[in-house]
Amino acid sequence: MKDWPKLVFTIAIAIVFVVSTFVALFGAGSMLNATLRTYVFGVEECTYRPVAAPLESEKTVAEEPQEECKVDYNRAKGNIADGLGMFILAAPLALVSFWTTRRTVKE
């Protein structure tokens, strides 16, 4: 019955390890996803730009909107930076909590 604080501490550190591992994996996955979509497969983002009808026109209906498709490198850079930030923050926390849990369980 004396070791219950140690057990609670070990469980808490194990929970921190599991959560930080999932965050690190999610960050690495989002980085990989953004890199593959943009630089490997070249997935294009398409936007429609409406074309306004001239005021003195005889037409009552505007022209068909123009579709513009291009690879959005700025969004990809932002997604990669977000994923890298999550990974850099969570990976060391996962390692430290893993080592602490392992050391505590061995004692």
C-alpha atoms as a PDB file:
ATOM      1  CA  MET A   1       0.000   0.000   0.000  1.00  0.00           C
ATOM      2  CA  LYS A   2       3.031   2.266   0.349  1.00  0.00           C
ATOM      3  CA  ASP A   3       3.766   2.261  -3.364  1.00  0.00           C
ATOM      4  CA  TRP A   4       0.502   3.833  -4.560  1.00  0.00           C
ATOM      5  CA  PRO A   5       2.074   7.295  -5.218  1.00  0.00           C
ATOM      6  CA  LYS A   6       4.686   5.591  -7.370  1.00  0.00           C
ATOM      7  CA  LEU A   7       1.944   3.721  -9.241  1.00  0.00           C
ATOM      8  CA  VAL A   8      -0.057   6.910  -9.834  1.00  0.00           C
ATOM      9  CA  PHE A   9       3.092   8.701 -11.049  1.00  0.00           C
ATOM     10  CA  THR A  10       3.939   5.825 -13.402  1.00  0.00           C
ATOM     11  CA  ILE A  11       0.425   5.771 -14.845  1.00  0.00           C
ATOM     12  CA  ALA A  12       0.452   9.546 -15.348  1.00  0.00           C
ATOM     13  CA  ILE A  13       3.809   9.443 -17.139  1.00  0.00           C
ATOM     14  CA  ALA A  14       2.607   6.519 -19.270  1.00  0.00           C
ATOM     15  CA  ILE A  15      -0.455   8.547 -20.315  1.00  0.00           C
ATOM     16  CA  VAL A  16       1.803  11.498 -21.224  1.00  0.00           C
ATOM     17  CA  PHE A  17       3.928   9.091 -23.269  1.00  0.00           C
ATOM     18  CA  VAL A  18       0.952   7.714 -25.198  1.00  0.00           C
ATOM     19  CA  VAL A  19      -0.555  11.136 -25.926  1.00  0.00           C
ATOM     20  CA  SER A  20       2.748  12.722 -26.961  1.00  0.00           C
ATOM     21  CA  THR A  21       3.518   9.729 -29.185  1.00  0.00           C
ATOM     22  CA  PHE A  22       0.202  10.159 -30.993  1.00  0.00           C
ATOM     23  CA  VAL A  23       0.815  13.901 -31.406  1.00  0.00           C
ATOM     24  CA  ALA A  24       4.297  13.247 -32.799  1.00  0.00           C
ATOM     25  CA  LEU A  25       2.941  10.650 -35.222  1.00  0.00           C
ATOM     26  CA  PHE A  26       0.144  12.984 -36.315  1.00  0.00           C
ATOM     27  CA  GLY A  27       2.653  15.801 -36.901  1.00  0.00           C
ATOM     28  CA  ALA A  28       4.949  13.569 -38.921  1.00  0.00           C
ATOM     29  CA  GLY A  29       1.996  12.240 -40.902  1.00  0.00           C
ATOM     30  CA  SER A  30       0.707  15.698 -41.776  1.00  0.00           C
ATOM     31  CA  MET A  31       4.215  16.748 -42.854  1.00  0.00           C
ATOM     32  CA  LEU A  32       4.504  13.682 -45.053  1.00  0.00           C
ATOM     33  CA  ASN A  33       1.023  14.240 -46.479  1.00  0.00           C
ATOM     34  CA  ALA A  34       1.725  17.870 -47.394  1.00  0.00           C
ATOM     35  CA  THR A  35       5.082  16.972 -48.934  1.00  0.00           C
ATOM     36  CA  LEU A  36       3.684  14.130 -51.022  1.00  0.00           C
ATOM     37  CA  ARG A  37       0.637  16.107 -52.192  1.00  0.00           C
ATOM     38  CA  THR A  38       2.644  19.142 -53.255  1.00  0.00           C
ATOM     39  CA  TYR A  39       6.115  18.094 -54.312  1.00  0.00           C
ATOM     40  CA  VAL A  40       5.713  14.458 -55.371  1.00  0.00           C
ATOM     41  CA  PHE A  41       2.242  14.198 -56.884  1.00  0.00           C
ATOM     42  CA  GLY A  42       1.664  17.882 -57.695  1.00  0.00           C
ATOM     43  CA  VAL A  43      -1.974  17.990 -56.606  1.00  0.00           C
ATOM     44  CA  GLU A  44      -3.534  21.180 -57.936  1.00  0.00           C
ATOM     45  CA  GLU A  45      -5.957  23.458 -56.120  1.00  0.00           C
ATOM     46  CA  CYS A  46      -8.611  24.855 -58.474  1.00  0.00           C
ATOM     47  CA  THR A  47     -10.414  28.148 -57.971  1.00  0.00           C
ATOM     48  CA  TYR A  48     -13.072  29.829 -60.044  1.00  0.00           C
ATOM     49  CA  ARG A  49     -12.718  33.496 -60.920  1.00  0.00           C
ATOM     50  CA  PRO A  50     -16.003  35.077 -61.904  1.00  0.00           C
ATOM     51  CA  VAL A  51     -16.037  37.262 -64.999  1.00  0.00           C
ATOM     52  CA  ALA A  52     -18.232  40.326 -64.654  1.00  0.00           C
ATOM     53  CA  ALA A  53     -20.452  41.305 -67.568  1.00  0.00           C
ATOM     54  CA  PRO A  54     -19.915  44.840 -68.907  1.00  0.00           C
ATOM     55  CA  LEU A  55     -22.583  47.355 -67.867  1.00  0.00           C
ATOM     56  CA  GLU A  56     -23.449  48.334 -71.438  1.00  0.00           C
ATOM     57  CA  SER A  57     -23.774  44.730 -72.539  1.00  0.00           C
ATOM     58  CA  GLU A  58     -26.812  43.316 -74.246  1.00  0.00           C
ATOM     59  CA  LYS A  59     -26.350  40.051 -72.365  1.00  0.00           C
ATOM     60  CA  THR A  60     -28.289  39.536 -69.184  1.00  0.00           C
ATOM     61  CA  VAL A  61     -26.235  36.522 -68.102  1.00  0.00           C
ATOM     62  CA  ALA A  62     -22.571  36.783 -67.138  1.00  0.00           C
ATOM     63  CA  GLU A  63     -19.943  34.681 -68.874  1.00  0.00           C
ATOM     64  CA  GLU A  64     -18.850  31.316 -67.568  1.00  0.00           C
ATOM     65  CA  PRO A  65     -16.378  31.710 -64.656  1.00  0.00           C
ATOM     66  CA  GLN A  66     -12.763  30.947 -65.435  1.00  0.00           C
ATOM     67  CA  GLU A  67     -11.178  28.013 -63.674  1.00  0.00           C
ATOM     68  CA  GLU A  68      -7.607  28.485 -62.482  1.00  0.00           C
ATOM     69  CA  CYS A  69      -5.678  25.437 -61.272  1.00  0.00           C
ATOM     70  CA  LYS A  70      -2.209  25.543 -59.726  1.00  0.00           C
ATOM     71  CA  VAL A  71      -0.154  23.905 -57.016  1.00  0.00           C
ATOM     72  CA  ASP A  72      -0.405  25.950 -53.817  1.00  0.00           C
ATOM     73  CA  TYR A  73       3.148  25.957 -52.496  1.00  0.00           C
ATOM     74  CA  ASN A  74       2.458  28.495 -49.745  1.00  0.00           C
ATOM     75  CA  ARG A  75      -0.242  26.341 -48.163  1.00  0.00           C
ATOM     76  CA  ALA A  76       2.056  23.321 -48.387  1.00  0.00           C
ATOM     77  CA  LYS A  77       4.850  25.203 -46.653  1.00  0.00           C
ATOM     78  CA  GLY A  78       2.444  26.189 -43.888  1.00  0.00           C
ATOM     79  CA  ASN A  79       1.228  22.599 -43.468  1.00  0.00           C
ATOM     80  CA  ILE A  80       4.798  21.299 -43.367  1.00  0.00           C
ATOM     81  CA  ALA A  81       5.744  23.924 -40.778  1.00  0.00           C
ATOM     82  CA  ASP A  82       2.723  23.004 -38.621  1.00  0.00           C
ATOM     83  CA  GLY A  83       3.553  19.300 -38.761  1.00  0.00           C
ATOM     84  CA  LEU A  84       7.211  19.919 -38.034  1.00  0.00           C
ATOM     85  CA  GLY A  85       6.341  22.075 -35.048  1.00  0.00           C
ATOM     86  CA  MET A  86       4.074  19.383 -33.619  1.00  0.00           C
ATOM     87  CA  PHE A  87       6.739  16.733 -34.162  1.00  0.00           C
ATOM     88  CA  ILE A  88       9.554  18.812 -32.652  1.00  0.00           C
ATOM     89  CA  LEU A  89       7.442  19.538 -29.582  1.00  0.00           C
ATOM     90  CA  ALA A  90       6.011  16.065 -29.015  1.00  0.00           C
ATOM     91  CA  ALA A  91       8.905  13.735 -29.920  1.00  0.00           C
ATOM     92  CA  PRO A  92      11.269  14.790 -27.092  1.00  0.00           C
ATOM     93  CA  LEU A  93       8.380  14.731 -24.629  1.00  0.00           C
ATOM     94  CA  ALA A  94       7.527  11.192 -25.730  1.00  0.00           C
ATOM     95  CA  LEU A  95      11.147  10.084 -25.335  1.00  0.00           C
ATOM     96  CA  VAL A  96      11.542  11.604 -21.879  1.00  0.00           C
ATOM     97  CA  SER A  97       8.258  10.172 -20.647  1.00  0.00           C
ATOM     98  CA  PHE A  98       9.176   6.757 -22.089  1.00  0.00           C
ATOM     99  CA  TRP A  99      12.546   6.743 -20.326  1.00  0.00           C
ATOM    100  CA  THR A 100      10.945   7.896 -17.070  1.00  0.00           C
ATOM    101  CA  THR A 101       8.255   5.239 -17.248  1.00  0.00           C
ATOM    102  CA  ARG A 102      10.782   2.527 -18.051  1.00  0.00           C
ATOM    103  CA  ARG A 103      13.072   3.577 -15.217  1.00  0.00           C
ATOM    104  CA  THR A 104      10.161   3.763 -12.755  1.00  0.00           C
ATOM    105  CA  VAL A 105       8.804   0.336 -13.711  1.00  0.00           C
ATOM    106  CA  LYS A 106      12.251  -1.293 -13.322  1.00  0.00           C
ATOM    107  CA  GLU A 107      12.602  -0.045  -9.729  1.00  0.00           C
END
